[in-house]
Amino acid sequence: MEVLTDEAHNVVTGEIFEVEVRETRTGNFIVKYYISDGKAAIVITDFAKTEEEIIKKGKCIKVYGNYIFEPRFEKDYVFKMDRYEEVGDIFKRFDTTQEKRVEFHLHTKFSEMDGISDASEYMKQAFEWGHPRMIITDHTNCSVFS
């Protein structure tokens, strides 16, 4: 996880893969966000007054804050959030080649005990990458989509 410095703040960018929420006696929330950039992960702490202020799991965010030692509860270094902004999907893949490749062997849910995704999910991804057509060869059949 690369921690960049932005004048008075440190900056990290990643996808939230876990959220821990603890309600205080006053009704506020102490929130721990676990975020990753695909290479490393870091825990970010924040406070929220309502449940609506809590950022949902799966969001990609850029966090501004300070990396400080917290002696009371954590007794460790923590990244305290000052503010954040949502960013686009940092793990989105692009196919920028002129000549598109062809995948000839792909398992969908039609492949007994091998496939985990729907054909529509694969087709959506292929068409986002600019592939003009798609052939799916499961164990017992062959399908063509244009």
N, C-alpha and C. Protein backbone atom coordinates (compact mmCIF):
# COMPACT_ATOMS: atom_id res chain seq x y z
N MET A 1 0.86 -1.17 0.00
CA MET A 1 0.00 0.00 0.00
C MET A 1 0.91 1.23 0.00
N GLU A 2 0.77 2.04 -1.00
CA GLU A 2 1.56 3.25 -1.10
C GLU A 2 0.84 4.38 -0.37
N VAL A 3 1.54 4.98 0.60
CA VAL A 3 0.99 6.11 1.34
C VAL A 3 1.67 7.37 0.83
N LEU A 4 0.91 8.22 0.16
CA LEU A 4 1.45 9.46 -0.39
C LEU A 4 1.22 10.60 0.59
N THR A 5 2.07 11.61 0.56
CA THR A 5 1.91 12.76 1.43
C THR A 5 1.36 13.92 0.62
N ASP A 6 0.31 14.54 1.13
CA ASP A 6 -0.35 15.67 0.48
C ASP A 6 -0.35 16.83 1.48
N GLU A 7 0.74 17.57 1.52
CA GLU A 7 0.95 18.67 2.46
C GLU A 7 0.71 18.20 3.89
N ALA A 8 -0.44 18.49 4.49
CA ALA A 8 -0.68 18.15 5.89
C ALA A 8 -1.26 16.75 6.06
N HIS A 9 -1.53 16.06 4.96
CA HIS A 9 -2.18 14.76 5.05
C HIS A 9 -1.38 13.67 4.37
N ASN A 10 -1.69 12.45 4.75
CA ASN A 10 -1.25 11.29 4.00
C ASN A 10 -2.42 10.84 3.14
N VAL A 11 -2.15 10.22 2.02
CA VAL A 11 -3.20 9.83 1.09
C VAL A 11 -3.02 8.36 0.71
N VAL A 12 -4.11 7.58 0.81
CA VAL A 12 -4.10 6.20 0.35
C VAL A 12 -5.32 5.98 -0.54
N THR A 13 -5.19 5.09 -1.50
CA THR A 13 -6.29 4.76 -2.40
C THR A 13 -6.45 3.25 -2.43
N GLY A 14 -7.70 2.80 -2.34
CA GLY A 14 -7.95 1.37 -2.39
C GLY A 14 -9.42 1.04 -2.37
N GLU A 15 -9.71 -0.25 -2.41
CA GLU A 15 -11.08 -0.74 -2.36
C GLU A 15 -11.36 -1.27 -0.96
N ILE A 16 -12.51 -0.90 -0.40
CA ILE A 16 -12.90 -1.37 0.92
C ILE A 16 -13.32 -2.84 0.81
N PHE A 17 -12.60 -3.72 1.52
CA PHE A 17 -12.97 -5.14 1.47
C PHE A 17 -13.58 -5.63 2.77
N GLU A 18 -13.56 -4.81 3.81
CA GLU A 18 -14.19 -5.18 5.08
C GLU A 18 -14.50 -3.91 5.86
N VAL A 19 -15.61 -3.92 6.58
CA VAL A 19 -16.01 -2.78 7.41
C VAL A 19 -16.41 -3.31 8.78
N GLU A 20 -15.80 -2.77 9.84
CA GLU A 20 -16.19 -3.10 11.21
C GLU A 20 -16.81 -1.86 11.83
N VAL A 21 -17.98 -2.02 12.43
CA VAL A 21 -18.69 -0.89 13.03
C VAL A 21 -18.97 -1.22 14.49
N ARG A 22 -18.64 -0.26 15.36
CA ARG A 22 -18.94 -0.41 16.78
C ARG A 22 -19.68 0.82 17.25
N GLU A 23 -20.85 0.63 17.86
CA GLU A 23 -21.64 1.75 18.35
C GLU A 23 -21.16 2.14 19.75
N THR A 24 -21.02 3.44 19.96
CA THR A 24 -20.60 3.94 21.27
C THR A 24 -21.81 4.14 22.17
N ARG A 25 -21.55 4.43 23.44
CA ARG A 25 -22.65 4.68 24.39
C ARG A 25 -23.47 5.90 24.01
N THR A 26 -22.85 6.84 23.30
CA THR A 26 -23.55 8.08 22.92
C THR A 26 -24.34 7.92 21.62
N GLY A 27 -24.27 6.75 20.99
CA GLY A 27 -25.01 6.51 19.76
C GLY A 27 -24.23 6.80 18.49
N ASN A 28 -22.99 7.26 18.63
CA ASN A 28 -22.12 7.45 17.47
C ASN A 28 -21.49 6.11 17.10
N PHE A 29 -20.73 6.10 16.01
CA PHE A 29 -20.12 4.86 15.54
C PHE A 29 -18.62 5.04 15.35
N ILE A 30 -17.87 4.04 15.79
CA ILE A 30 -16.44 3.95 15.48
C ILE A 30 -16.34 2.94 14.34
N VAL A 31 -15.74 3.37 13.24
CA VAL A 31 -15.71 2.53 12.04
C VAL A 31 -14.27 2.23 11.65
N LYS A 32 -14.01 0.97 11.34
CA LYS A 32 -12.72 0.56 10.79
C LYS A 32 -12.97 0.08 9.37
N TYR A 33 -12.27 0.70 8.43
CA TYR A 33 -12.33 0.30 7.03
C TYR A 33 -11.04 -0.43 6.69
N TYR A 34 -11.15 -1.60 6.12
CA TYR A 34 -10.00 -2.34 5.65
C TYR A 34 -9.96 -2.14 4.14
N ILE A 35 -8.89 -1.48 3.64
CA ILE A 35 -8.82 -1.23 2.20
C ILE A 35 -7.54 -1.81 1.62
N SER A 36 -7.62 -2.15 0.34
CA SER A 36 -6.48 -2.74 -0.35
C SER A 36 -6.35 -2.14 -1.74
N ASP A 37 -5.10 -2.02 -2.18
CA ASP A 37 -4.85 -1.58 -3.55
C ASP A 37 -4.42 -2.76 -4.43
N GLY A 38 -4.58 -3.97 -3.92
CA GLY A 38 -4.19 -5.16 -4.66
C GLY A 38 -2.80 -5.65 -4.33
N LYS A 39 -1.99 -4.80 -3.69
CA LYS A 39 -0.64 -5.18 -3.31
C LYS A 39 -0.49 -5.30 -1.80
N ALA A 40 -1.16 -4.42 -1.07
CA ALA A 40 -1.09 -4.40 0.39
C ALA A 40 -2.42 -3.88 0.91
N ALA A 41 -2.56 -3.89 2.22
CA ALA A 41 -3.81 -3.42 2.83
C ALA A 41 -3.48 -2.57 4.05
N ILE A 42 -4.45 -1.75 4.44
CA ILE A 42 -4.29 -0.88 5.60
C ILE A 42 -5.65 -0.72 6.27
N VAL A 43 -5.63 -0.48 7.57
CA VAL A 43 -6.86 -0.25 8.33
C VAL A 43 -7.00 1.24 8.55
N ILE A 44 -8.18 1.76 8.26
CA ILE A 44 -8.46 3.19 8.41
C ILE A 44 -9.56 3.34 9.44
N THR A 45 -9.37 4.23 10.41
CA THR A 45 -10.40 4.46 11.42
C THR A 45 -11.10 5.78 11.17
N ASP A 46 -12.38 5.80 11.52
CA ASP A 46 -13.20 6.99 11.32
C ASP A 46 -14.33 6.97 12.34
N PHE A 47 -14.98 8.10 12.50
CA PHE A 47 -16.14 8.22 13.37
C PHE A 47 -17.33 8.65 12.52
N ALA A 48 -18.50 8.10 12.82
CA ALA A 48 -19.72 8.46 12.09
C ALA A 48 -20.82 8.73 13.10
N LYS A 49 -21.66 9.71 12.77
CA LYS A 49 -22.78 10.04 13.66
C LYS A 49 -24.02 9.22 13.32
N THR A 50 -24.15 8.83 12.04
CA THR A 50 -25.30 8.02 11.61
C THR A 50 -24.80 6.84 10.79
N GLU A 51 -25.64 5.83 10.66
CA GLU A 51 -25.27 4.66 9.85
C GLU A 51 -25.15 5.01 8.38
N GLU A 52 -25.88 6.05 7.93
CA GLU A 52 -25.82 6.47 6.53
C GLU A 52 -24.46 7.03 6.16
N GLU A 53 -23.71 7.55 7.14
CA GLU A 53 -22.37 8.11 6.88
C GLU A 53 -21.32 7.03 6.67
N ILE A 54 -21.62 5.79 7.02
CA ILE A 54 -20.64 4.71 6.91
C ILE A 54 -20.51 4.29 5.45
N ILE A 55 -19.28 4.23 4.96
CA ILE A 55 -19.01 3.87 3.57
C ILE A 55 -19.17 2.36 3.42
N LYS A 56 -19.80 1.96 2.36
CA LYS A 56 -20.12 0.54 2.14
C LYS A 56 -18.92 -0.25 1.59
N LYS A 57 -18.92 -1.51 1.92
CA LYS A 57 -17.93 -2.46 1.42
C LYS A 57 -18.00 -2.51 -0.11
N GLY A 58 -16.84 -2.58 -0.77
CA GLY A 58 -16.79 -2.65 -2.23
C GLY A 58 -16.53 -1.32 -2.90
N LYS A 59 -16.65 -0.21 -2.17
CA LYS A 59 -16.39 1.12 -2.75
C LYS A 59 -14.88 1.34 -2.87
N CYS A 60 -14.47 2.03 -3.93
CA CYS A 60 -13.08 2.43 -4.11
C CYS A 60 -12.98 3.89 -3.68
N ILE A 61 -12.05 4.16 -2.76
CA ILE A 61 -11.95 5.51 -2.20
C ILE A 61 -10.51 5.98 -2.13
N LYS A 62 -10.35 7.30 -2.13
CA LYS A 62 -9.07 7.94 -1.86
C LYS A 62 -9.24 8.61 -0.50
N VAL A 63 -8.39 8.25 0.45
CA VAL A 63 -8.54 8.71 1.83
C VAL A 63 -7.41 9.67 2.19
N TYR A 64 -7.80 10.79 2.79
CA TYR A 64 -6.85 11.77 3.30
C TYR A 64 -6.90 11.69 4.82
N GLY A 65 -5.74 11.61 5.45
CA GLY A 65 -5.72 11.51 6.90
C GLY A 65 -4.31 11.50 7.43
N ASN A 66 -4.16 11.05 8.65
CA ASN A 66 -2.86 11.02 9.30
C ASN A 66 -2.59 9.64 9.87
N TYR A 67 -1.36 9.21 9.74
CA TYR A 67 -0.92 7.93 10.27
C TYR A 67 -0.27 8.21 11.61
N ILE A 68 -0.98 7.89 12.70
CA ILE A 68 -0.52 8.28 14.03
C ILE A 68 -0.56 7.09 14.99
N PHE A 69 0.18 7.22 16.09
CA PHE A 69 0.13 6.20 17.14
C PHE A 69 -1.06 6.48 18.03
N GLU A 70 -1.89 5.47 18.27
CA GLU A 70 -3.09 5.61 19.09
C GLU A 70 -2.87 4.83 20.38
N PRO A 71 -2.55 5.52 21.50
CA PRO A 71 -2.15 4.82 22.72
C PRO A 71 -3.28 4.26 23.58
N ARG A 72 -4.53 4.76 23.42
CA ARG A 72 -5.60 4.35 24.33
C ARG A 72 -6.21 2.99 24.02
N PHE A 73 -6.68 2.81 22.79
CA PHE A 73 -7.43 1.59 22.47
C PHE A 73 -6.63 0.62 21.61
N GLU A 74 -6.08 1.09 20.52
CA GLU A 74 -5.37 0.21 19.59
C GLU A 74 -3.96 -0.12 20.06
N LYS A 75 -3.34 0.85 20.70
CA LYS A 75 -1.93 0.72 21.12
C LYS A 75 -1.04 0.34 19.93
N ASP A 76 -1.33 1.00 18.82
CA ASP A 76 -0.61 0.74 17.58
C ASP A 76 -0.80 1.95 16.67
N TYR A 77 -0.09 1.95 15.54
CA TYR A 77 -0.27 3.01 14.55
C TYR A 77 -1.57 2.79 13.79
N VAL A 78 -2.32 3.85 13.61
CA VAL A 78 -3.58 3.77 12.87
C VAL A 78 -3.63 4.92 11.87
N PHE A 79 -4.40 4.71 10.82
CA PHE A 79 -4.62 5.75 9.82
C PHE A 79 -5.96 6.39 10.14
N LYS A 80 -5.94 7.62 10.64
CA LYS A 80 -7.17 8.35 11.01
C LYS A 80 -7.65 9.14 9.80
N MET A 81 -8.88 8.88 9.38
CA MET A 81 -9.45 9.54 8.21
C MET A 81 -9.90 10.95 8.55
N ASP A 82 -9.49 11.91 7.72
CA ASP A 82 -10.01 13.28 7.81
C ASP A 82 -11.14 13.46 6.80
N ARG A 83 -10.90 12.99 5.58
CA ARG A 83 -11.92 13.07 4.54
C ARG A 83 -11.60 12.02 3.48
N TYR A 84 -12.57 11.79 2.61
CA TYR A 84 -12.37 10.82 1.54
C TYR A 84 -13.12 11.28 0.31
N GLU A 85 -12.76 10.69 -0.81
CA GLU A 85 -13.53 10.90 -2.05
C GLU A 85 -13.61 9.57 -2.77
N GLU A 86 -14.77 9.31 -3.36
CA GLU A 86 -14.94 8.08 -4.13
C GLU A 86 -14.22 8.21 -5.46
N VAL A 87 -13.57 7.13 -5.85
CA VAL A 87 -12.88 7.08 -7.14
C VAL A 87 -13.46 5.92 -7.93
N GLY A 88 -13.17 5.87 -9.21
CA GLY A 88 -13.66 4.78 -10.05
C GLY A 88 -13.05 3.46 -9.63
N ASP A 89 -13.53 2.41 -10.22
CA ASP A 89 -13.05 1.07 -9.93
C ASP A 89 -11.55 0.97 -10.24
N ILE A 90 -10.73 0.80 -9.21
CA ILE A 90 -9.28 0.77 -9.42
C ILE A 90 -8.80 -0.57 -9.97
N PHE A 91 -9.66 -1.57 -9.95
CA PHE A 91 -9.28 -2.89 -10.45
C PHE A 91 -9.87 -3.20 -11.82
N LYS A 92 -10.53 -2.23 -12.43
CA LYS A 92 -11.15 -2.45 -13.74
C LYS A 92 -10.07 -2.71 -14.78
N ARG A 93 -10.25 -3.77 -15.56
CA ARG A 93 -9.29 -4.14 -16.58
C ARG A 93 -9.76 -3.64 -17.94
N PHE A 94 -8.81 -3.31 -18.78
CA PHE A 94 -9.11 -2.83 -20.12
C PHE A 94 -8.35 -3.68 -21.13
N ASP A 95 -8.96 -3.91 -22.28
CA ASP A 95 -8.30 -4.60 -23.38
C ASP A 95 -8.07 -3.55 -24.46
N THR A 96 -6.85 -3.04 -24.54
CA THR A 96 -6.54 -1.94 -25.46
C THR A 96 -5.86 -2.41 -26.74
N THR A 97 -5.74 -3.72 -26.94
CA THR A 97 -5.08 -4.22 -28.14
C THR A 97 -5.99 -4.03 -29.36
N GLN A 98 -5.36 -3.83 -30.51
CA GLN A 98 -6.12 -3.67 -31.75
C GLN A 98 -6.74 -4.99 -32.18
N GLU A 99 -5.95 -6.05 -32.10
CA GLU A 99 -6.44 -7.37 -32.50
C GLU A 99 -6.86 -8.12 -31.23
N LYS A 100 -8.15 -8.37 -31.10
CA LYS A 100 -8.69 -8.99 -29.89
C LYS A 100 -8.41 -10.49 -29.90
N ARG A 101 -8.16 -11.03 -28.73
CA ARG A 101 -7.91 -12.46 -28.62
C ARG A 101 -9.23 -13.20 -28.53
N VAL A 102 -9.18 -14.49 -28.70
CA VAL A 102 -10.38 -15.32 -28.62
C VAL A 102 -10.16 -16.35 -27.52
N GLU A 103 -11.11 -16.44 -26.62
CA GLU A 103 -11.07 -17.46 -25.57
C GLU A 103 -11.92 -18.63 -26.03
N PHE A 104 -11.30 -19.80 -26.22
CA PHE A 104 -12.04 -20.94 -26.75
C PHE A 104 -12.55 -21.89 -25.67
N HIS A 105 -12.07 -21.79 -24.48
CA HIS A 105 -12.54 -22.70 -23.44
C HIS A 105 -12.96 -21.88 -22.22
N LEU A 106 -14.23 -21.92 -21.92
CA LEU A 106 -14.77 -21.09 -20.85
C LEU A 106 -15.90 -21.85 -20.18
N HIS A 107 -15.89 -21.93 -18.88
CA HIS A 107 -16.93 -22.65 -18.16
C HIS A 107 -17.95 -21.67 -17.58
N THR A 108 -19.21 -21.93 -17.86
CA THR A 108 -20.30 -21.16 -17.26
C THR A 108 -21.03 -22.08 -16.29
N LYS A 109 -22.15 -21.60 -15.79
CA LYS A 109 -22.94 -22.44 -14.89
C LYS A 109 -23.51 -23.67 -15.59
N PHE A 110 -23.46 -23.67 -16.93
CA PHE A 110 -23.92 -24.84 -17.68
C PHE A 110 -22.93 -26.00 -17.57
N SER A 111 -21.67 -25.71 -17.24
CA SER A 111 -20.68 -26.77 -17.06
C SER A 111 -20.88 -27.36 -15.67
N GLU A 112 -21.29 -28.59 -15.64
CA GLU A 112 -21.59 -29.23 -14.37
C GLU A 112 -20.37 -29.27 -13.47
N MET A 113 -20.46 -28.68 -12.29
CA MET A 113 -19.46 -28.67 -11.22
C MET A 113 -18.19 -27.89 -11.57
N ASP A 114 -18.13 -27.17 -12.67
CA ASP A 114 -16.94 -26.40 -13.02
C ASP A 114 -17.20 -24.90 -13.11
N GLY A 115 -18.35 -24.49 -13.61
CA GLY A 115 -18.61 -23.08 -13.86
C GLY A 115 -19.18 -22.37 -12.66
N ILE A 116 -18.83 -21.08 -12.51
CA ILE A 116 -19.35 -20.30 -11.39
C ILE A 116 -20.08 -19.04 -11.85
N SER A 117 -19.92 -18.63 -13.10
CA SER A 117 -20.53 -17.39 -13.57
C SER A 117 -21.55 -17.67 -14.66
N ASP A 118 -22.48 -16.72 -14.80
CA ASP A 118 -23.47 -16.79 -15.87
C ASP A 118 -22.82 -16.40 -17.19
N ALA A 119 -23.35 -16.93 -18.28
CA ALA A 119 -22.86 -16.56 -19.61
C ALA A 119 -23.04 -15.07 -19.83
N SER A 120 -24.11 -14.49 -19.30
CA SER A 120 -24.36 -13.05 -19.49
C SER A 120 -23.26 -12.20 -18.86
N GLU A 121 -22.69 -12.64 -17.73
CA GLU A 121 -21.59 -11.89 -17.10
C GLU A 121 -20.35 -11.90 -18.00
N TYR A 122 -20.05 -13.05 -18.58
CA TYR A 122 -18.91 -13.14 -19.48
C TYR A 122 -19.13 -12.30 -20.74
N MET A 123 -20.35 -12.36 -21.28
CA MET A 123 -20.65 -11.58 -22.49
C MET A 123 -20.54 -10.09 -22.22
N LYS A 124 -21.06 -9.64 -21.09
CA LYS A 124 -20.99 -8.22 -20.74
C LYS A 124 -19.53 -7.76 -20.69
N GLN A 125 -18.67 -8.55 -20.03
CA GLN A 125 -17.26 -8.19 -19.93
C GLN A 125 -16.59 -8.19 -21.30
N ALA A 126 -16.86 -9.18 -22.11
CA ALA A 126 -16.25 -9.25 -23.45
C ALA A 126 -16.65 -8.05 -24.30
N PHE A 127 -17.91 -7.68 -24.26
CA PHE A 127 -18.37 -6.54 -25.06
C PHE A 127 -17.84 -5.22 -24.52
N GLU A 128 -17.63 -5.11 -23.19
CA GLU A 128 -16.99 -3.91 -22.62
C GLU A 128 -15.57 -3.77 -23.14
N TRP A 129 -14.91 -4.90 -23.38
CA TRP A 129 -13.55 -4.89 -23.90
C TRP A 129 -13.51 -4.70 -25.41
N GLY A 130 -14.65 -4.62 -26.06
CA GLY A 130 -14.68 -4.39 -27.49
C GLY A 130 -14.62 -5.64 -28.34
N HIS A 131 -14.84 -6.80 -27.76
CA HIS A 131 -14.84 -8.04 -28.52
C HIS A 131 -16.17 -8.13 -29.27
N PRO A 132 -16.15 -8.33 -30.60
CA PRO A 132 -17.38 -8.29 -31.38
C PRO A 132 -18.27 -9.53 -31.21
N ARG A 133 -17.70 -10.65 -30.83
CA ARG A 133 -18.50 -11.86 -30.64
C ARG A 133 -17.81 -12.75 -29.62
N MET A 134 -18.53 -13.79 -29.22
CA MET A 134 -18.01 -14.67 -28.19
C MET A 134 -18.49 -16.09 -28.43
N ILE A 135 -17.61 -17.06 -28.21
CA ILE A 135 -17.96 -18.47 -28.31
C ILE A 135 -17.73 -19.10 -26.95
N ILE A 136 -18.72 -19.82 -26.46
CA ILE A 136 -18.58 -20.51 -25.18
C ILE A 136 -18.66 -22.01 -25.44
N THR A 137 -17.63 -22.74 -25.02
CA THR A 137 -17.65 -24.20 -25.14
C THR A 137 -17.66 -24.78 -23.74
N ASP A 138 -18.82 -25.17 -23.30
CA ASP A 138 -18.93 -25.87 -22.02
C ASP A 138 -18.67 -27.35 -22.25
N HIS A 139 -18.84 -28.16 -21.23
CA HIS A 139 -18.58 -29.60 -21.35
C HIS A 139 -19.47 -30.28 -22.39
N THR A 140 -20.73 -29.90 -22.42
CA THR A 140 -21.66 -30.65 -23.27
C THR A 140 -22.24 -29.86 -24.42
N ASN A 141 -21.82 -28.60 -24.61
CA ASN A 141 -22.42 -27.83 -25.69
C ASN A 141 -21.50 -26.72 -26.16
N CYS A 142 -21.91 -26.04 -27.22
CA CYS A 142 -21.18 -24.91 -27.77
C CYS A 142 -22.20 -23.82 -28.08
N SER A 143 -21.92 -22.59 -27.67
CA SER A 143 -22.83 -21.47 -27.91
C SER A 143 -22.06 -20.33 -28.55
N VAL A 144 -22.70 -19.60 -29.45
CA VAL A 144 -22.08 -18.46 -30.12
C VAL A 144 -22.94 -17.24 -29.88
N PHE A 145 -22.30 -16.10 -29.51
CA PHE A 145 -23.01 -14.85 -29.26
C PHE A 145 -22.36 -13.75 -30.07
N SER A 146 -23.15 -12.97 -30.81
CA SER A 146 -22.63 -11.84 -31.58
C SER A 146 -23.30 -10.57 -31.14
